[in-house]
Amino acid sequence: MDEAKDTEKDRREADSAPLPFRAAVDALMAARLRPQIEVEPTRPPGRLAPYTYALEAAVVDGDEDLADGRLVLLHDPAGHEAWQGTFRLVTLVRAELEPEMAADPLLPEVCWSWLTGALQTRGLTYGEPSGTVTRASSHYFGGLSARPAASQIEIRASWTPREGLGGVPDTAAHLASWCDLLAQVAGLPPAGPGDASVVTLPQRRGPQSR
């Protein structure tokens, strides 16, 4: 019963959202992505903007998740001084690392360049980028000492996509760039011309307004 109420609430909020935001979300739903990356809508965090929409993704190889992340689209029709625009994209990307890569002192700079490079490769313009790259290692002792040491990289970032016709950014291209970042972090080779498929995202959640 609660789930049915949530679904109805989501539909009302989606219908009342501004047209530029609805167009930006529709573009996300129609994006062409690599088949190794599974993407689906998820409940967005609250209180970040008047209108929000979120996707979660995983890079899958058989039964193994090589990397995962979340991409959140924020929209404030009145504009936001810190964003220098009315839209903002916020991301979290995580992946396990090979020991050799984890030991590289330049790893944080390299990972940040993967993000900016993914956007630039697709010819996207953006502003006000900010973020952090965190490298963490786990060592096991006692009853867990048989486990090998593990390292993980985490990229948290946000940027302002430049708005196009009708005040709508090219969110499909930004999503594709974000998936390029996920694939690179996961260690996949660059996508070839035929290495894409139309992703139909399940209509689990609609755009959310605050």
N, C-alpha and C. Protein backbone atom coordinates (compact mmCIF):
# COMPACT_ATOMS: atom_id res chain seq x y z
N MET A 1 0.83 -1.20 0.00
CA MET A 1 0.00 0.00 0.00
C MET A 1 0.87 1.25 0.00
N ASP A 2 1.92 1.28 0.83
CA ASP A 2 2.82 2.42 0.88
C ASP A 2 3.53 2.60 -0.45
N GLU A 3 3.91 1.48 -1.09
CA GLU A 3 4.59 1.56 -2.37
C GLU A 3 3.67 2.17 -3.42
N ALA A 4 2.39 1.80 -3.40
CA ALA A 4 1.43 2.36 -4.35
C ALA A 4 1.27 3.86 -4.13
N LYS A 5 1.26 4.29 -2.87
CA LYS A 5 1.16 5.73 -2.57
C LYS A 5 2.40 6.46 -3.07
N ASP A 6 3.57 5.86 -2.87
CA ASP A 6 4.82 6.48 -3.34
C ASP A 6 4.81 6.63 -4.86
N THR A 7 4.31 5.59 -5.56
CA THR A 7 4.27 5.64 -7.02
C THR A 7 3.35 6.75 -7.50
N GLU A 8 2.18 6.87 -6.88
CA GLU A 8 1.25 7.92 -7.25
C GLU A 8 1.83 9.30 -6.96
N LYS A 9 2.53 9.43 -5.85
CA LYS A 9 3.18 10.69 -5.50
C LYS A 9 4.24 11.05 -6.53
N ASP A 10 5.03 10.06 -6.93
CA ASP A 10 6.07 10.28 -7.94
C ASP A 10 5.44 10.77 -9.26
N ARG A 11 4.32 10.18 -9.64
CA ARG A 11 3.67 10.57 -10.89
C ARG A 11 3.18 12.01 -10.83
N ARG A 12 2.60 12.40 -9.70
CA ARG A 12 2.14 13.78 -9.55
C ARG A 12 3.30 14.75 -9.63
N GLU A 13 4.39 14.40 -8.97
CA GLU A 13 5.56 15.27 -8.97
C GLU A 13 6.16 15.38 -10.36
N ALA A 14 6.19 14.27 -11.11
CA ALA A 14 6.73 14.28 -12.47
C ALA A 14 5.89 15.18 -13.37
N ASP A 15 4.57 15.12 -13.23
CA ASP A 15 3.68 15.93 -14.06
C ASP A 15 3.82 17.42 -13.75
N SER A 16 4.17 17.76 -12.51
CA SER A 16 4.26 19.17 -12.12
C SER A 16 5.65 19.75 -12.29
N ALA A 17 6.62 18.95 -12.66
CA ALA A 17 7.99 19.42 -12.82
C ALA A 17 8.09 20.35 -14.03
N PRO A 18 9.02 21.32 -14.01
CA PRO A 18 9.19 22.23 -15.16
C PRO A 18 9.57 21.46 -16.43
N LEU A 19 9.17 22.02 -17.57
CA LEU A 19 9.41 21.35 -18.84
C LEU A 19 10.90 21.08 -19.10
N PRO A 20 11.82 22.03 -18.82
CA PRO A 20 13.24 21.72 -19.05
C PRO A 20 13.73 20.52 -18.24
N PHE A 21 13.25 20.40 -17.02
CA PHE A 21 13.66 19.27 -16.19
C PHE A 21 13.10 17.97 -16.74
N ARG A 22 11.83 17.98 -17.15
CA ARG A 22 11.24 16.77 -17.71
C ARG A 22 11.95 16.36 -19.00
N ALA A 23 12.34 17.35 -19.82
CA ALA A 23 13.06 17.04 -21.05
C ALA A 23 14.43 16.46 -20.75
N ALA A 24 15.09 16.98 -19.71
CA ALA A 24 16.41 16.47 -19.33
C ALA A 24 16.31 15.03 -18.84
N VAL A 25 15.27 14.71 -18.10
CA VAL A 25 15.07 13.35 -17.61
C VAL A 25 14.72 12.42 -18.76
N ASP A 26 13.86 12.87 -19.68
CA ASP A 26 13.50 12.05 -20.84
C ASP A 26 14.75 11.68 -21.65
N ALA A 27 15.68 12.63 -21.77
CA ALA A 27 16.91 12.36 -22.51
C ALA A 27 17.74 11.29 -21.80
N LEU A 28 17.77 11.33 -20.49
CA LEU A 28 18.48 10.29 -19.74
C LEU A 28 17.88 8.92 -20.02
N MET A 29 16.55 8.87 -20.07
CA MET A 29 15.88 7.59 -20.28
C MET A 29 16.14 7.01 -21.66
N ALA A 30 16.45 7.88 -22.64
CA ALA A 30 16.63 7.43 -24.02
C ALA A 30 18.11 7.27 -24.40
N ALA A 31 19.01 7.43 -23.44
CA ALA A 31 20.45 7.40 -23.76
C ALA A 31 20.88 6.02 -24.25
N ARG A 32 21.86 6.01 -25.15
CA ARG A 32 22.45 4.77 -25.66
C ARG A 32 23.73 4.50 -24.87
N LEU A 33 23.78 3.34 -24.23
CA LEU A 33 24.88 3.03 -23.32
C LEU A 33 25.48 1.66 -23.63
N ARG A 34 26.68 1.44 -23.12
CA ARG A 34 27.34 0.14 -23.30
C ARG A 34 26.55 -0.97 -22.61
N PRO A 35 26.43 -2.13 -23.25
CA PRO A 35 25.63 -3.21 -22.65
C PRO A 35 26.23 -3.78 -21.37
N GLN A 36 27.52 -3.55 -21.12
CA GLN A 36 28.12 -4.08 -19.89
C GLN A 36 27.72 -3.27 -18.66
N ILE A 37 27.08 -2.12 -18.89
CA ILE A 37 26.72 -1.24 -17.79
C ILE A 37 25.21 -1.31 -17.56
N GLU A 38 24.82 -1.74 -16.39
CA GLU A 38 23.40 -1.84 -16.03
C GLU A 38 23.00 -0.58 -15.29
N VAL A 39 21.99 0.10 -15.80
CA VAL A 39 21.55 1.38 -15.26
C VAL A 39 20.07 1.31 -14.93
N GLU A 40 19.68 1.88 -13.80
CA GLU A 40 18.27 1.94 -13.45
C GLU A 40 18.02 3.14 -12.54
N PRO A 41 16.78 3.66 -12.55
CA PRO A 41 16.45 4.77 -11.68
C PRO A 41 16.49 4.35 -10.21
N THR A 42 16.76 5.31 -9.35
CA THR A 42 16.76 5.06 -7.92
C THR A 42 16.22 6.29 -7.21
N ARG A 43 15.85 6.14 -5.97
CA ARG A 43 15.32 7.27 -5.21
C ARG A 43 16.41 8.31 -5.01
N PRO A 44 16.19 9.55 -5.46
CA PRO A 44 17.22 10.59 -5.31
C PRO A 44 17.28 11.10 -3.87
N PRO A 45 18.42 11.65 -3.47
CA PRO A 45 18.52 12.25 -2.14
C PRO A 45 17.64 13.50 -2.07
N GLY A 46 17.13 13.79 -0.91
CA GLY A 46 16.27 14.96 -0.74
C GLY A 46 17.04 16.20 -0.35
N ARG A 47 16.38 17.33 -0.51
CA ARG A 47 16.86 18.63 -0.04
C ARG A 47 18.09 19.17 -0.76
N LEU A 48 18.47 18.58 -1.89
CA LEU A 48 19.60 19.12 -2.64
C LEU A 48 19.17 20.18 -3.63
N ALA A 49 17.94 20.07 -4.13
CA ALA A 49 17.42 21.01 -5.12
C ALA A 49 15.91 20.85 -5.17
N PRO A 50 15.21 21.83 -5.73
CA PRO A 50 13.75 21.69 -5.85
C PRO A 50 13.33 20.46 -6.66
N TYR A 51 14.13 20.09 -7.68
CA TYR A 51 13.80 18.93 -8.51
C TYR A 51 15.04 18.06 -8.66
N THR A 52 14.86 16.76 -8.43
CA THR A 52 15.99 15.84 -8.49
C THR A 52 15.58 14.55 -9.17
N TYR A 53 16.58 13.92 -9.79
CA TYR A 53 16.38 12.61 -10.42
C TYR A 53 17.70 11.86 -10.31
N ALA A 54 17.64 10.55 -10.06
CA ALA A 54 18.87 9.81 -9.81
C ALA A 54 18.88 8.47 -10.54
N LEU A 55 20.07 8.08 -10.97
CA LEU A 55 20.31 6.78 -11.58
C LEU A 55 21.43 6.09 -10.82
N GLU A 56 21.36 4.77 -10.74
CA GLU A 56 22.46 4.00 -10.22
C GLU A 56 22.90 3.01 -11.30
N ALA A 57 24.18 2.69 -11.29
CA ALA A 57 24.72 1.85 -12.35
C ALA A 57 25.78 0.91 -11.79
N ALA A 58 25.97 -0.20 -12.50
CA ALA A 58 27.03 -1.15 -12.17
C ALA A 58 27.64 -1.67 -13.45
N VAL A 59 28.96 -1.79 -13.45
CA VAL A 59 29.66 -2.44 -14.56
C VAL A 59 29.75 -3.91 -14.22
N VAL A 60 29.13 -4.75 -15.03
CA VAL A 60 28.95 -6.16 -14.71
C VAL A 60 29.76 -7.03 -15.67
N ASP A 61 30.48 -7.98 -15.10
CA ASP A 61 31.20 -8.99 -15.87
C ASP A 61 30.81 -10.35 -15.31
N GLY A 62 29.87 -11.01 -15.97
CA GLY A 62 29.34 -12.27 -15.42
C GLY A 62 28.56 -11.99 -14.15
N ASP A 63 29.00 -12.62 -13.05
CA ASP A 63 28.36 -12.40 -11.76
C ASP A 63 29.10 -11.36 -10.91
N GLU A 64 30.11 -10.74 -11.49
CA GLU A 64 30.94 -9.83 -10.73
C GLU A 64 30.67 -8.37 -11.11
N ASP A 65 30.51 -7.51 -10.09
CA ASP A 65 30.40 -6.08 -10.30
C ASP A 65 31.80 -5.47 -10.24
N LEU A 66 32.26 -4.91 -11.36
CA LEU A 66 33.60 -4.34 -11.42
C LEU A 66 33.65 -2.92 -10.89
N ALA A 67 32.55 -2.21 -10.99
CA ALA A 67 32.47 -0.83 -10.49
C ALA A 67 30.99 -0.49 -10.35
N ASP A 68 30.70 0.49 -9.52
CA ASP A 68 29.32 0.94 -9.39
C ASP A 68 29.30 2.43 -9.08
N GLY A 69 28.14 3.03 -9.21
CA GLY A 69 28.05 4.46 -8.95
C GLY A 69 26.63 4.96 -9.01
N ARG A 70 26.52 6.25 -8.76
CA ARG A 70 25.23 6.94 -8.79
C ARG A 70 25.42 8.29 -9.45
N LEU A 71 24.45 8.67 -10.29
CA LEU A 71 24.45 9.97 -10.93
C LEU A 71 23.14 10.66 -10.60
N VAL A 72 23.23 11.88 -10.07
CA VAL A 72 22.06 12.63 -9.63
C VAL A 72 21.95 13.91 -10.45
N LEU A 73 20.79 14.14 -11.02
CA LEU A 73 20.49 15.37 -11.75
C LEU A 73 19.72 16.30 -10.83
N LEU A 74 20.23 17.51 -10.65
CA LEU A 74 19.58 18.53 -9.82
C LEU A 74 19.09 19.67 -10.71
N HIS A 75 17.96 20.25 -10.34
CA HIS A 75 17.44 21.39 -11.11
C HIS A 75 16.81 22.40 -10.16
N ASP A 76 17.23 23.65 -10.32
CA ASP A 76 16.64 24.78 -9.59
C ASP A 76 16.28 25.83 -10.63
N PRO A 77 14.99 25.97 -10.96
CA PRO A 77 14.59 26.92 -12.01
C PRO A 77 15.04 28.35 -11.74
N ALA A 78 15.23 28.70 -10.48
CA ALA A 78 15.66 30.05 -10.13
C ALA A 78 17.15 30.25 -10.29
N GLY A 79 17.87 29.18 -10.57
CA GLY A 79 19.32 29.27 -10.67
C GLY A 79 19.98 29.13 -9.31
N HIS A 80 21.24 28.79 -9.33
CA HIS A 80 21.99 28.56 -8.10
C HIS A 80 23.36 29.22 -8.26
N GLU A 81 23.69 30.12 -7.34
CA GLU A 81 24.93 30.89 -7.47
C GLU A 81 26.16 30.00 -7.54
N ALA A 82 26.21 28.98 -6.70
CA ALA A 82 27.38 28.10 -6.69
C ALA A 82 27.48 27.27 -7.97
N TRP A 83 26.34 26.95 -8.57
CA TRP A 83 26.34 26.16 -9.80
C TRP A 83 26.67 27.00 -11.02
N GLN A 84 26.29 28.29 -10.98
CA GLN A 84 26.35 29.15 -12.17
C GLN A 84 25.48 28.58 -13.28
N GLY A 85 24.28 28.16 -12.88
CA GLY A 85 23.32 27.60 -13.83
C GLY A 85 22.10 27.09 -13.10
N THR A 86 21.20 26.45 -13.84
CA THR A 86 19.98 25.91 -13.22
C THR A 86 20.02 24.39 -13.07
N PHE A 87 21.03 23.74 -13.67
CA PHE A 87 21.18 22.30 -13.55
C PHE A 87 22.54 21.98 -12.92
N ARG A 88 22.60 20.84 -12.25
CA ARG A 88 23.86 20.35 -11.69
C ARG A 88 23.84 18.83 -11.73
N LEU A 89 24.98 18.23 -12.04
CA LEU A 89 25.14 16.78 -11.99
C LEU A 89 26.09 16.42 -10.86
N VAL A 90 25.70 15.44 -10.08
CA VAL A 90 26.48 15.00 -8.92
C VAL A 90 26.71 13.50 -9.05
N THR A 91 27.94 13.05 -8.82
CA THR A 91 28.23 11.64 -9.03
C THR A 91 29.07 11.04 -7.92
N LEU A 92 28.89 9.75 -7.76
CA LEU A 92 29.74 8.91 -6.91
C LEU A 92 30.09 7.68 -7.74
N VAL A 93 31.38 7.37 -7.85
CA VAL A 93 31.85 6.18 -8.57
C VAL A 93 32.81 5.43 -7.66
N ARG A 94 32.65 4.10 -7.59
CA ARG A 94 33.52 3.27 -6.74
C ARG A 94 33.97 2.03 -7.51
N ALA A 95 35.20 1.59 -7.21
CA ALA A 95 35.71 0.37 -7.83
C ALA A 95 36.83 -0.20 -6.98
N GLU A 96 36.98 -1.54 -7.03
CA GLU A 96 38.12 -2.19 -6.42
C GLU A 96 39.35 -2.00 -7.30
N LEU A 97 40.53 -1.95 -6.67
CA LEU A 97 41.76 -1.69 -7.40
C LEU A 97 42.71 -2.87 -7.33
N GLU A 98 43.47 -3.04 -8.39
CA GLU A 98 44.58 -3.97 -8.34
C GLU A 98 45.68 -3.37 -7.47
N PRO A 99 46.45 -4.19 -6.75
CA PRO A 99 47.48 -3.66 -5.84
C PRO A 99 48.47 -2.72 -6.52
N GLU A 100 48.86 -3.04 -7.76
CA GLU A 100 49.81 -2.19 -8.46
C GLU A 100 49.25 -0.80 -8.72
N MET A 101 47.98 -0.74 -9.10
CA MET A 101 47.35 0.55 -9.36
C MET A 101 47.16 1.33 -8.07
N ALA A 102 46.76 0.62 -7.01
CA ALA A 102 46.51 1.28 -5.72
C ALA A 102 47.77 1.94 -5.19
N ALA A 103 48.94 1.40 -5.54
CA ALA A 103 50.20 1.95 -5.02
C ALA A 103 50.71 3.14 -5.82
N ASP A 104 50.07 3.47 -6.93
CA ASP A 104 50.53 4.56 -7.77
C ASP A 104 50.26 5.90 -7.08
N PRO A 105 51.30 6.70 -6.78
CA PRO A 105 51.08 7.97 -6.08
C PRO A 105 50.27 8.97 -6.90
N LEU A 106 50.23 8.81 -8.21
CA LEU A 106 49.50 9.73 -9.07
C LEU A 106 48.06 9.29 -9.33
N LEU A 107 47.63 8.22 -8.66
CA LEU A 107 46.30 7.67 -8.92
C LEU A 107 45.18 8.70 -8.77
N PRO A 108 45.12 9.51 -7.71
CA PRO A 108 44.02 10.49 -7.60
C PRO A 108 43.95 11.45 -8.79
N GLU A 109 45.12 11.96 -9.21
CA GLU A 109 45.13 12.87 -10.36
C GLU A 109 44.69 12.16 -11.63
N VAL A 110 45.11 10.90 -11.79
CA VAL A 110 44.72 10.13 -12.97
C VAL A 110 43.21 9.91 -13.00
N CYS A 111 42.63 9.55 -11.86
CA CYS A 111 41.19 9.30 -11.81
C CYS A 111 40.39 10.56 -12.10
N TRP A 112 40.86 11.70 -11.59
CA TRP A 112 40.16 12.95 -11.88
C TRP A 112 40.25 13.27 -13.38
N SER A 113 41.40 12.99 -13.98
CA SER A 113 41.55 13.23 -15.42
C SER A 113 40.65 12.30 -16.23
N TRP A 114 40.34 11.12 -15.71
CA TRP A 114 39.40 10.24 -16.40
C TRP A 114 38.02 10.89 -16.49
N LEU A 115 37.61 11.55 -15.41
CA LEU A 115 36.31 12.22 -15.41
C LEU A 115 36.29 13.37 -16.41
N THR A 116 37.24 14.28 -16.30
CA THR A 116 37.25 15.43 -17.20
C THR A 116 37.50 15.00 -18.64
N GLY A 117 38.34 13.97 -18.82
CA GLY A 117 38.61 13.48 -20.17
C GLY A 117 37.38 12.85 -20.80
N ALA A 118 36.58 12.15 -20.00
CA ALA A 118 35.36 11.54 -20.54
C ALA A 118 34.39 12.60 -21.05
N LEU A 119 34.30 13.72 -20.34
CA LEU A 119 33.43 14.81 -20.78
C LEU A 119 33.99 15.48 -22.03
N GLN A 120 35.28 15.72 -22.04
CA GLN A 120 35.90 16.40 -23.17
C GLN A 120 35.87 15.55 -24.44
N THR A 121 36.03 14.23 -24.29
CA THR A 121 36.04 13.35 -25.44
C THR A 121 34.73 13.42 -26.21
N ARG A 122 33.64 13.64 -25.50
CA ARG A 122 32.33 13.75 -26.16
C ARG A 122 31.98 15.19 -26.51
N GLY A 123 32.95 16.09 -26.37
CA GLY A 123 32.74 17.47 -26.78
C GLY A 123 31.79 18.25 -25.89
N LEU A 124 31.68 17.86 -24.64
CA LEU A 124 30.74 18.52 -23.73
C LEU A 124 31.39 19.72 -23.05
N THR A 125 30.62 20.78 -22.91
CA THR A 125 31.08 21.94 -22.16
C THR A 125 30.38 21.95 -20.80
N TYR A 126 31.11 22.34 -19.80
CA TYR A 126 30.59 22.32 -18.44
C TYR A 126 31.34 23.35 -17.61
N GLY A 127 30.81 23.65 -16.44
CA GLY A 127 31.44 24.64 -15.59
C GLY A 127 31.44 24.22 -14.13
N GLU A 128 32.19 24.96 -13.34
CA GLU A 128 32.25 24.80 -11.88
C GLU A 128 32.47 23.36 -11.44
N PRO A 129 33.45 22.64 -12.02
CA PRO A 129 33.68 21.26 -11.55
C PRO A 129 34.32 21.25 -10.17
N SER A 130 33.95 20.29 -9.37
CA SER A 130 34.57 20.12 -8.05
C SER A 130 34.42 18.66 -7.63
N GLY A 131 35.29 18.21 -6.73
CA GLY A 131 35.17 16.84 -6.29
C GLY A 131 36.36 16.35 -5.50
N THR A 132 36.30 15.10 -5.13
CA THR A 132 37.37 14.45 -4.37
C THR A 132 37.62 13.06 -4.94
N VAL A 133 38.85 12.61 -4.82
CA VAL A 133 39.21 11.23 -5.16
C VAL A 133 39.83 10.62 -3.90
N THR A 134 39.23 9.55 -3.42
CA THR A 134 39.65 8.92 -2.17
C THR A 134 40.13 7.50 -2.44
N ARG A 135 41.30 7.19 -1.92
CA ARG A 135 41.85 5.84 -2.04
C ARG A 135 41.87 5.22 -0.66
N ALA A 136 41.29 4.04 -0.52
CA ALA A 136 41.21 3.37 0.78
C ALA A 136 41.74 1.95 0.68
N SER A 137 42.42 1.49 1.71
CA SER A 137 42.95 0.13 1.76
C SER A 137 42.45 -0.59 3.00
N SER A 138 42.16 -1.87 2.86
CA SER A 138 41.72 -2.69 3.99
C SER A 138 42.68 -3.86 4.17
N HIS A 139 43.13 -4.06 5.41
CA HIS A 139 44.00 -5.19 5.75
C HIS A 139 43.29 -6.01 6.82
N TYR A 140 43.36 -7.31 6.70
CA TYR A 140 42.57 -8.19 7.56
C TYR A 140 43.47 -8.94 8.54
N PHE A 141 42.95 -9.11 9.76
CA PHE A 141 43.72 -9.73 10.83
C PHE A 141 42.87 -10.74 11.60
N GLY A 142 43.52 -11.54 12.40
CA GLY A 142 42.82 -12.52 13.24
C GLY A 142 42.07 -13.52 12.39
N GLY A 143 40.79 -13.68 12.70
CA GLY A 143 39.96 -14.63 11.98
C GLY A 143 39.77 -14.30 10.51
N LEU A 144 40.11 -13.08 10.12
CA LEU A 144 39.97 -12.66 8.72
C LEU A 144 41.30 -12.59 7.99
N SER A 145 42.36 -13.07 8.64
CA SER A 145 43.70 -12.89 8.08
C SER A 145 43.91 -13.63 6.76
N ALA A 146 43.06 -14.59 6.44
CA ALA A 146 43.21 -15.31 5.17
C ALA A 146 42.80 -14.46 3.97
N ARG A 147 42.06 -13.40 4.23
CA ARG A 147 41.63 -12.55 3.14
C ARG A 147 42.79 -11.67 2.65
N PRO A 148 42.93 -11.52 1.36
CA PRO A 148 43.98 -10.64 0.84
C PRO A 148 43.62 -9.17 1.08
N ALA A 149 44.63 -8.34 1.19
CA ALA A 149 44.39 -6.90 1.34
C ALA A 149 43.62 -6.40 0.12
N ALA A 150 42.77 -5.43 0.34
CA ALA A 150 41.93 -4.89 -0.73
C ALA A 150 42.01 -3.38 -0.74
N SER A 151 41.93 -2.81 -1.93
CA SER A 151 41.96 -1.35 -2.09
C SER A 151 40.78 -0.92 -2.95
N GLN A 152 40.29 0.26 -2.66
CA GLN A 152 39.15 0.80 -3.40
C GLN A 152 39.39 2.26 -3.72
N ILE A 153 38.91 2.69 -4.88
CA ILE A 153 38.94 4.09 -5.26
C ILE A 153 37.52 4.62 -5.26
N GLU A 154 37.35 5.84 -4.81
CA GLU A 154 36.02 6.47 -4.78
C GLU A 154 36.16 7.88 -5.35
N ILE A 155 35.36 8.17 -6.36
CA ILE A 155 35.35 9.49 -6.98
C ILE A 155 34.01 10.14 -6.68
N ARG A 156 34.06 11.30 -6.03
CA ARG A 156 32.87 12.11 -5.79
C ARG A 156 33.07 13.42 -6.54
N ALA A 157 32.11 13.78 -7.37
CA ALA A 157 32.29 14.97 -8.19
C ALA A 157 30.95 15.60 -8.55
N SER A 158 31.00 16.86 -8.93
CA SER A 158 29.82 17.55 -9.45
C SER A 158 30.27 18.59 -10.46
N TRP A 159 29.38 18.88 -11.41
CA TRP A 159 29.67 19.88 -12.43
C TRP A 159 28.37 20.42 -12.99
N THR A 160 28.46 21.57 -13.63
CA THR A 160 27.29 22.23 -14.21
C THR A 160 27.27 22.00 -15.72
N PRO A 161 26.33 21.22 -16.23
CA PRO A 161 26.24 21.02 -17.68
C PRO A 161 25.72 22.29 -18.36
N ARG A 162 26.34 22.67 -19.45
CA ARG A 162 25.87 23.86 -20.17
C ARG A 162 24.52 23.59 -20.81
N GLU A 163 23.64 24.57 -20.68
CA GLU A 163 22.28 24.42 -21.18
C GLU A 163 22.21 24.76 -22.66
N GLY A 164 21.40 24.00 -23.38
CA GLY A 164 21.25 24.20 -24.81
C GLY A 164 19.90 24.80 -25.14
N LEU A 165 19.33 24.35 -26.24
CA LEU A 165 18.05 24.86 -26.71
C LEU A 165 16.96 24.65 -25.66
N GLY A 166 16.22 25.69 -25.36
CA GLY A 166 15.15 25.60 -24.37
C GLY A 166 15.64 25.49 -22.95
N GLY A 167 16.93 25.81 -22.74
CA GLY A 167 17.48 25.73 -21.39
C GLY A 167 17.71 24.32 -20.90
N VAL A 168 17.82 23.35 -21.84
CA VAL A 168 17.98 21.94 -21.47
C VAL A 168 19.40 21.47 -21.80
N PRO A 169 20.14 20.95 -20.84
CA PRO A 169 21.47 20.40 -21.14
C PRO A 169 21.36 19.05 -21.84
N ASP A 170 22.44 18.65 -22.51
CA ASP A 170 22.46 17.36 -23.20
C ASP A 170 22.76 16.27 -22.17
N THR A 171 21.75 15.92 -21.39
CA THR A 171 21.95 14.97 -20.30
C THR A 171 22.29 13.57 -20.81
N ALA A 172 21.80 13.22 -22.00
CA ALA A 172 22.13 11.89 -22.54
C ALA A 172 23.63 11.77 -22.77
N ALA A 173 24.24 12.81 -23.32
CA ALA A 173 25.68 12.78 -23.56
C ALA A 173 26.46 12.79 -22.25
N HIS A 174 25.97 13.52 -21.27
CA HIS A 174 26.64 13.53 -19.96
C HIS A 174 26.55 12.16 -19.30
N LEU A 175 25.40 11.50 -19.45
CA LEU A 175 25.25 10.15 -18.91
C LEU A 175 26.21 9.19 -19.62
N ALA A 176 26.32 9.30 -20.94
CA ALA A 176 27.24 8.44 -21.68
C ALA A 176 28.68 8.68 -21.24
N SER A 177 29.04 9.94 -20.99
CA SER A 177 30.39 10.25 -20.51
C SER A 177 30.62 9.64 -19.13
N TRP A 178 29.60 9.73 -18.29
CA TRP A 178 29.72 9.15 -16.95
C TRP A 178 29.90 7.64 -17.03
N CYS A 179 29.20 7.00 -17.96
CA CYS A 179 29.37 5.56 -18.15
C CYS A 179 30.76 5.24 -18.71
N ASP A 180 31.31 6.14 -19.54
CA ASP A 180 32.69 5.97 -19.99
C ASP A 180 33.64 5.97 -18.80
N LEU A 181 33.39 6.87 -17.85
CA LEU A 181 34.21 6.91 -16.63
C LEU A 181 34.08 5.61 -15.85
N LEU A 182 32.85 5.14 -15.67
CA LEU A 182 32.64 3.87 -14.96
C LEU A 182 33.40 2.73 -15.63
N ALA A 183 33.31 2.68 -16.95
CA ALA A 183 33.99 1.61 -17.68
C ALA A 183 35.50 1.71 -17.52
N GLN A 184 36.04 2.92 -17.54
CA GLN A 184 37.49 3.08 -17.42
C GLN A 184 37.96 2.70 -16.02
N VAL A 185 37.20 3.11 -15.01
CA VAL A 185 37.55 2.74 -13.64
C VAL A 185 37.50 1.23 -13.46
N ALA A 186 36.55 0.58 -14.16
CA ALA A 186 36.40 -0.87 -14.06
C ALA A 186 37.43 -1.63 -14.87
N GLY A 187 38.19 -0.92 -15.71
CA GLY A 187 39.22 -1.57 -16.51
C GLY A 187 38.74 -2.11 -17.83
N LEU A 188 37.57 -1.67 -18.32
CA LEU A 188 37.08 -2.12 -19.61
C LEU A 188 37.81 -1.38 -20.74
N PRO A 189 37.96 -2.00 -21.90
CA PRO A 189 38.55 -1.30 -23.04
C PRO A 189 37.60 -0.24 -23.56
N PRO A 190 38.10 0.74 -24.31
CA PRO A 190 37.22 1.77 -24.89
C PRO A 190 36.13 1.14 -25.73
N ALA A 191 34.96 1.77 -25.74
CA ALA A 191 33.83 1.25 -26.51
C ALA A 191 34.09 1.41 -28.00
N GLY A 192 33.72 0.39 -28.78
CA GLY A 192 33.83 0.46 -30.23
C GLY A 192 32.55 1.02 -30.81
N PRO A 193 32.51 1.29 -32.13
CA PRO A 193 31.33 1.88 -32.77
C PRO A 193 30.06 1.07 -32.56
N GLY A 194 30.18 -0.27 -32.49
CA GLY A 194 28.98 -1.09 -32.34
C GLY A 194 28.75 -1.56 -30.92
N ASP A 195 29.51 -1.01 -29.98
CA ASP A 195 29.43 -1.49 -28.60
C ASP A 195 28.48 -0.65 -27.78
N ALA A 196 27.27 -0.52 -28.25
CA ALA A 196 26.26 0.25 -27.54
C ALA A 196 24.91 -0.39 -27.79
N SER A 197 23.99 -0.20 -26.86
CA SER A 197 22.64 -0.70 -27.05
C SER A 197 21.68 0.28 -26.41
N VAL A 198 20.45 0.30 -26.91
CA VAL A 198 19.47 1.18 -26.32
C VAL A 198 19.06 0.63 -24.97
N VAL A 199 19.20 1.46 -23.95
CA VAL A 199 18.85 1.03 -22.60
C VAL A 199 17.46 1.55 -22.27
N THR A 200 16.56 0.66 -21.95
CA THR A 200 15.23 1.04 -21.52
C THR A 200 15.20 0.97 -20.00
N LEU A 201 15.15 2.12 -19.37
CA LEU A 201 15.19 2.14 -17.91
C LEU A 201 13.81 1.86 -17.33
N PRO A 202 13.72 1.00 -16.34
CA PRO A 202 12.41 0.72 -15.73
C PRO A 202 11.86 1.95 -15.03
N GLN A 203 10.56 2.15 -15.14
CA GLN A 203 9.93 3.33 -14.57
C GLN A 203 9.65 3.13 -13.09
N ARG A 204 10.74 2.95 -12.33
CA ARG A 204 10.55 2.70 -10.89
C ARG A 204 10.17 3.97 -10.15
N ARG A 205 10.88 5.06 -10.46
CA ARG A 205 10.64 6.33 -9.78
C ARG A 205 10.55 7.44 -10.81
N GLY A 206 9.71 8.41 -10.54
CA GLY A 206 9.66 9.58 -11.40
C GLY A 206 10.57 10.67 -10.88
N PRO A 207 10.73 11.78 -11.63
CA PRO A 207 11.49 12.91 -11.13
C PRO A 207 10.87 13.38 -9.81
N GLN A 208 11.70 13.81 -8.90
CA GLN A 208 11.22 14.15 -7.58
C GLN A 208 11.37 15.63 -7.34
N SER A 209 10.32 16.25 -6.83
CA SER A 209 10.38 17.64 -6.41
C SER A 209 10.36 17.70 -4.91
N ARG A 210 10.92 18.78 -4.40
CA ARG A 210 11.01 18.88 -2.95
C ARG A 210 9.74 19.46 -2.39
